[in-house]
Amino acid sequence: MDSVISITMKMKFPPVALLWADDKPQEAMQFGEGKWGCVMWLIASAAKGRTAVCDRKTFGCPGGGVGVGFGNEYKNFAGGEEGFCHFLSSGNDSWETGRQTAEQVKPFLRKEAYDNFVHGERYLKTPDLVRKFVENLPIIDIAAKFVVFKPLSEVNREKEKPETVIFFADPDQLSALVVLANYGREDNESVIIPFAAGCQTIGIYPYREAKSAKPRAVAGLTDLSARVHINRQLAPNLMTFAVPLALFDEMEGNVEGSFLGRHTWQTLVEAKE
């Protein structure tokens, strides 16, 4: 299953399909059980041609478990959901249980991770705002055993149904994807860019959009922590653009005859050659 969009836009990395499955693909990359890892590493591996998978014991971090659809894994964060609320904001050194938990986890954390746990990532101002953030997430507990990431070109549409198609786009390509998502629509808000973890903008947010009669695309990688990993794995100037399957098909069908064949887009392409 190839993407006309990706070919026409001359994307450096091919799109990735996110699928739900009850059987693990053979030879798929997977984190070890209970080992820390970033789901974005799995997606990056798929963008480079290798199938990757995670399940309820191998999603890498609580945010990743939430992001791919394994329920509210923040409850299993060190110190519980309250520990996460302090971690994402002002830090766990501001309350007694948090300080105690910090001592317990210190032997298992890298220096930077421990510093973030104690002093906070400071992505939201207060723990109360993090609680609101969690409440507003479209958390879902999917029925499937596995979430699979594989190159879209390896998907057989007769046997497999991607939940999300994920593009890695530079600024020009992201702009073009936004235009294309709105190209055949009567309104001009067919793309959202929520404040969320990188994995959440390719997982639970597109899952939610897929249930809509007019699903929207989700722009992502505004997660600074995820950007660190993607910069190392792929390239430093990329954003994600995650599309529910129905919108992907709509956009693919709108390439021919669109602005992608006109001189403005060609000028942007030629400037990179």
Protein backbone atom coordinates (compact mmCIF):
# COMPACT_ATOMS: atom_id res chain seq x y z
CA MET A 1 0.00 0.00 0.00
CA ASP A 2 1.82 3.08 -1.26
CA SER A 3 0.98 6.73 -0.60
CA VAL A 4 0.52 9.08 -3.54
CA ILE A 5 0.91 11.94 -1.07
CA SER A 6 4.30 10.80 0.15
CA ILE A 7 5.59 10.16 -3.37
CA THR A 8 4.30 13.45 -4.73
CA MET A 9 5.70 15.46 -1.83
CA LYS A 10 9.05 13.61 -2.05
CA MET A 11 9.09 12.89 1.66
CA LYS A 12 12.38 11.72 3.13
CA PHE A 13 10.70 9.08 5.28
CA PRO A 14 7.75 6.97 4.11
CA PRO A 15 4.50 7.07 6.10
CA VAL A 16 3.91 4.67 8.97
CA ALA A 17 0.74 2.70 9.58
CA LEU A 18 -0.53 2.17 13.13
CA LEU A 19 -2.64 -0.98 13.43
CA TRP A 20 -4.33 -2.92 16.21
CA ALA A 21 -3.71 -6.65 16.29
CA ASP A 22 -4.21 -9.71 18.45
CA ASP A 23 -1.15 -11.47 17.04
CA LYS A 24 2.40 -10.18 17.13
CA PRO A 25 4.04 -9.81 13.71
CA GLN A 26 7.07 -12.05 13.26
CA GLU A 27 10.45 -10.43 13.88
CA ALA A 28 8.86 -7.18 15.08
CA MET A 29 10.97 -4.88 17.24
CA GLN A 30 9.67 -4.65 20.82
CA PHE A 31 10.82 -3.18 24.14
CA GLY A 32 11.59 -5.63 26.92
CA GLU A 33 8.88 -6.16 29.51
CA GLY A 34 9.03 -3.42 32.13
CA LYS A 35 11.88 -1.61 30.33
CA TRP A 36 11.73 2.14 29.77
CA GLY A 37 11.47 3.39 26.22
CA CYS A 38 9.76 6.02 24.09
CA VAL A 39 6.99 4.93 21.73
CA MET A 40 8.35 7.45 19.25
CA TRP A 41 11.42 5.21 18.88
CA LEU A 42 9.12 2.46 17.62
CA ILE A 43 7.49 4.77 15.10
CA ALA A 44 10.89 6.03 13.94
CA SER A 45 12.00 2.43 13.42
CA ALA A 46 8.95 1.81 11.25
CA ALA A 47 9.73 4.95 9.25
CA LYS A 48 13.16 3.42 8.58
CA GLY A 49 11.59 0.16 7.40
CA ARG A 50 11.31 -2.07 10.46
CA THR A 51 8.02 -3.25 11.96
CA ALA A 52 7.68 -2.53 15.68
CA VAL A 53 5.09 -3.49 18.27
CA CYS A 54 4.05 -2.86 21.85
CA ASP A 55 1.58 -4.46 24.23
CA ARG A 56 0.36 -3.78 27.76
CA LYS A 57 3.71 -4.76 29.25
CA THR A 58 6.05 -3.24 26.68
CA PHE A 59 4.86 0.31 25.91
CA GLY A 60 7.95 1.87 27.45
CA CYS A 61 6.51 4.55 29.72
CA PRO A 62 3.12 5.40 31.26
CA GLY A 63 2.54 8.23 28.79
CA GLY A 64 3.20 5.78 25.97
CA GLY A 65 0.64 3.36 27.39
CA VAL A 66 -1.90 6.17 27.45
CA GLY A 67 -0.87 7.34 23.99
CA VAL A 68 -1.37 4.06 22.15
CA GLY A 69 -4.64 3.25 23.89
CA PHE A 70 -3.97 1.00 26.87
CA GLY A 71 -6.05 2.99 29.35
CA ASN A 72 -4.95 5.43 32.04
CA GLU A 73 -1.44 4.21 32.73
CA TYR A 74 -0.68 7.41 34.66
CA LYS A 75 -2.17 5.57 37.64
CA ASN A 76 0.89 3.31 37.50
CA PHE A 77 3.39 6.18 37.41
CA ALA A 78 5.86 6.34 40.32
CA GLY A 79 3.83 7.96 43.09
CA GLY A 80 0.59 7.28 41.23
CA GLU A 81 -1.29 9.82 39.15
CA GLU A 82 -0.44 12.50 41.70
CA GLY A 83 3.25 11.76 41.18
CA PHE A 84 2.77 12.28 37.46
CA CYS A 85 0.93 15.56 38.05
CA HIS A 86 3.93 16.86 39.99
CA PHE A 87 6.44 15.38 37.52
CA LEU A 88 4.93 17.19 34.52
CA SER A 89 4.72 20.47 36.42
CA SER A 90 6.56 21.73 39.50
CA GLY A 91 8.29 18.54 40.65
CA ASN A 92 7.93 15.91 43.33
CA ASP A 93 10.16 17.62 45.87
CA SER A 94 7.22 19.84 46.83
CA TRP A 95 5.24 17.15 48.70
CA GLU A 96 6.22 14.50 51.22
CA THR A 97 5.04 11.41 49.33
CA GLY A 98 6.81 12.70 46.24
CA ARG A 99 10.08 13.13 48.12
CA GLN A 100 9.81 9.63 49.52
CA THR A 101 9.04 8.19 46.10
CA ALA A 102 12.00 10.06 44.62
CA GLU A 103 14.35 8.27 47.00
CA GLN A 104 12.82 4.93 46.09
CA VAL A 105 13.20 5.41 42.33
CA LYS A 106 16.59 7.16 42.36
CA PRO A 107 18.65 3.95 41.90
CA PHE A 108 16.67 3.10 38.77
CA LEU A 109 16.74 6.45 36.95
CA ARG A 110 19.30 8.18 34.81
CA LYS A 111 20.55 11.50 36.20
CA GLU A 112 18.38 13.61 33.89
CA ALA A 113 15.27 11.49 34.49
CA TYR A 114 15.75 11.73 38.24
CA ASP A 115 16.20 15.49 38.03
CA ASN A 116 12.95 15.76 36.06
CA PHE A 117 11.13 13.60 38.60
CA VAL A 118 12.34 15.73 41.50
CA HIS A 119 12.21 19.21 39.96
CA GLY A 120 9.57 18.67 37.28
CA GLU A 121 9.53 18.91 33.50
CA ARG A 122 7.63 22.23 33.89
CA TYR A 123 5.40 21.64 30.87
CA LEU A 124 2.40 22.84 32.85
CA LYS A 125 2.44 25.43 35.62
CA THR A 126 0.84 23.49 38.48
CA PRO A 127 -0.15 19.90 39.41
CA ASP A 128 -3.79 21.03 39.29
CA LEU A 129 -3.40 21.96 35.64
CA VAL A 130 -1.89 18.55 34.92
CA ARG A 131 -4.95 16.93 36.51
CA LYS A 132 -7.12 18.92 34.09
CA PHE A 133 -4.82 17.89 31.24
CA VAL A 134 -5.32 14.20 32.09
CA GLU A 135 -9.08 14.66 32.46
CA ASN A 136 -9.25 16.21 28.99
CA LEU A 137 -7.24 13.50 27.22
CA PRO A 138 -9.36 11.17 25.06
CA ILE A 139 -8.11 8.14 27.02
CA ILE A 140 -9.27 4.82 25.62
CA ASP A 141 -8.66 1.18 26.49
CA ILE A 142 -8.57 -0.69 23.21
CA ALA A 143 -9.57 -4.35 22.99
CA ALA A 144 -6.58 -5.44 20.88
CA LYS A 145 -3.51 -7.05 22.44
CA PHE A 146 -0.94 -5.26 20.30
CA VAL A 147 -0.36 -1.89 18.68
CA VAL A 148 1.74 -2.35 15.56
CA PHE A 149 3.81 0.20 13.67
CA LYS A 150 4.89 -0.77 10.18
CA PRO A 151 5.81 0.93 6.90
CA LEU A 152 2.61 1.79 5.08
CA SER A 153 4.04 0.18 1.94
CA GLU A 154 3.91 -3.21 3.70
CA VAL A 155 0.21 -2.97 4.59
CA ASN A 156 -2.19 -5.22 2.69
CA ARG A 157 -5.54 -3.38 2.70
CA GLU A 158 -7.37 -6.60 1.88
CA LYS A 159 -6.23 -8.10 5.19
CA GLU A 160 -5.26 -5.13 7.38
CA LYS A 161 -6.90 -1.88 8.39
CA PRO A 162 -4.65 0.90 9.69
CA GLU A 163 -6.13 2.96 12.50
CA THR A 164 -3.81 5.87 11.75
CA VAL A 165 -1.43 6.82 8.96
CA ILE A 166 1.50 8.87 10.22
CA PHE A 167 3.59 11.20 8.07
CA PHE A 168 6.92 12.72 9.11
CA ALA A 169 6.90 16.12 7.45
CA ASP A 170 9.22 19.09 7.22
CA PRO A 171 7.68 22.60 7.50
CA ASP A 172 6.85 22.85 3.78
CA GLN A 173 5.33 19.37 3.71
CA LEU A 174 3.38 19.99 6.90
CA SER A 175 1.94 23.13 5.33
CA ALA A 176 0.96 21.17 2.24
CA LEU A 177 -0.66 18.42 4.31
CA VAL A 178 -2.76 21.02 6.13
CA VAL A 179 -3.89 22.46 2.80
CA LEU A 180 -4.66 19.01 1.41
CA ALA A 181 -6.66 17.99 4.50
CA ASN A 182 -8.92 20.99 3.91
CA TYR A 183 -8.89 20.81 0.10
CA GLY A 184 -12.21 19.00 -0.34
CA ARG A 185 -13.96 20.28 2.78
CA GLU A 186 -16.55 23.01 3.29
CA ASP A 187 -14.84 24.33 6.43
CA ASN A 188 -11.24 25.23 7.21
CA GLU A 189 -10.56 23.42 10.50
CA SER A 190 -9.71 19.90 9.37
CA VAL A 191 -6.43 19.80 11.34
CA ILE A 192 -5.88 20.11 15.08
CA ILE A 193 -2.65 20.53 17.03
CA PRO A 194 -3.34 19.62 20.66
CA PHE A 195 -0.93 20.02 23.56
CA ALA A 196 -0.08 16.37 24.18
CA ALA A 197 2.69 13.81 24.22
CA GLY A 198 4.11 12.83 20.86
CA CYS A 199 2.60 9.34 21.08
CA GLN A 200 -0.81 10.75 22.02
CA THR A 201 -0.96 12.83 18.84
CA ILE A 202 -0.46 9.70 16.70
CA GLY A 203 -2.63 7.44 18.87
CA ILE A 204 -5.55 8.44 21.05
CA TYR A 205 -6.28 11.77 19.34
CA PRO A 206 -6.55 10.25 15.85
CA TYR A 207 -8.51 7.34 17.39
CA ARG A 208 -11.03 9.88 18.66
CA GLU A 209 -11.16 11.68 15.33
CA ALA A 210 -11.79 8.40 13.50
CA LYS A 211 -15.17 8.15 15.25
CA SER A 212 -16.30 11.45 13.73
CA ALA A 213 -18.31 11.79 10.53
CA LYS A 214 -15.66 14.26 9.35
CA PRO A 215 -12.41 13.17 11.01
CA ARG A 216 -9.61 15.68 11.34
CA ALA A 217 -5.87 15.19 11.05
CA VAL A 218 -3.64 15.69 14.10
CA ALA A 219 -0.37 17.59 13.83
CA GLY A 220 2.16 16.55 16.45
CA LEU A 221 5.71 16.42 17.73
CA THR A 222 5.21 19.61 19.67
CA ASP A 223 6.28 17.40 22.60
CA LEU A 224 9.79 18.67 23.34
CA SER A 225 10.88 15.43 24.99
CA ALA A 226 9.73 13.39 21.99
CA ARG A 227 11.53 15.80 19.66
CA VAL A 228 14.82 14.97 21.36
CA HIS A 229 14.34 11.32 20.43
CA ILE A 230 13.13 11.94 16.87
CA ASN A 231 15.97 14.39 16.22
CA ARG A 232 18.40 11.58 17.05
CA GLN A 233 16.50 8.84 15.23
CA LEU A 234 15.39 10.62 12.05
CA ALA A 235 16.02 14.35 11.53
CA PRO A 236 15.75 17.60 13.50
CA ASN A 237 13.17 19.43 11.39
CA LEU A 238 10.21 17.03 11.37
CA MET A 239 6.65 17.15 12.65
CA THR A 240 4.13 14.33 12.65
CA PHE A 241 0.85 14.49 10.78
CA ALA A 242 -1.44 11.67 11.87
CA VAL A 243 -4.48 10.90 9.75
CA PRO A 244 -7.42 8.58 10.49
CA LEU A 245 -7.83 6.11 7.63
CA ALA A 246 -10.99 7.71 6.19
CA LEU A 247 -9.29 11.11 5.91
CA PHE A 248 -6.15 9.50 4.50
CA ASP A 249 -8.20 7.97 1.68
CA GLU A 250 -9.91 11.32 1.10
CA MET A 251 -6.59 13.14 0.89
CA GLU A 252 -5.03 10.51 -1.37
CA GLY A 253 -7.95 10.90 -3.77
CA ASN A 254 -7.52 14.67 -3.88
CA VAL A 255 -3.84 14.80 -4.92
CA GLU A 256 -4.49 14.75 -8.65
CA GLY A 257 -5.58 18.15 -9.91
CA SER A 258 -4.62 19.91 -6.66
CA PHE A 259 -2.04 22.57 -5.82
CA LEU A 260 0.61 19.81 -5.69
CA GLY A 261 0.84 20.04 -9.47
CA ARG A 262 1.14 23.81 -9.53
CA HIS A 263 4.14 26.11 -9.62
CA THR A 264 3.96 27.40 -6.03
CA TRP A 265 4.47 23.92 -4.60
CA GLN A 266 7.08 23.09 -7.24
CA THR A 267 9.04 26.18 -6.25
CA LEU A 268 9.23 24.94 -2.66
CA VAL A 269 10.31 21.48 -3.81
CA GLU A 270 12.97 22.80 -6.17
CA ALA A 271 14.46 24.98 -3.44
CA LYS A 272 15.52 21.80 -1.59
CA GLU A 273 17.15 20.12 -4.59
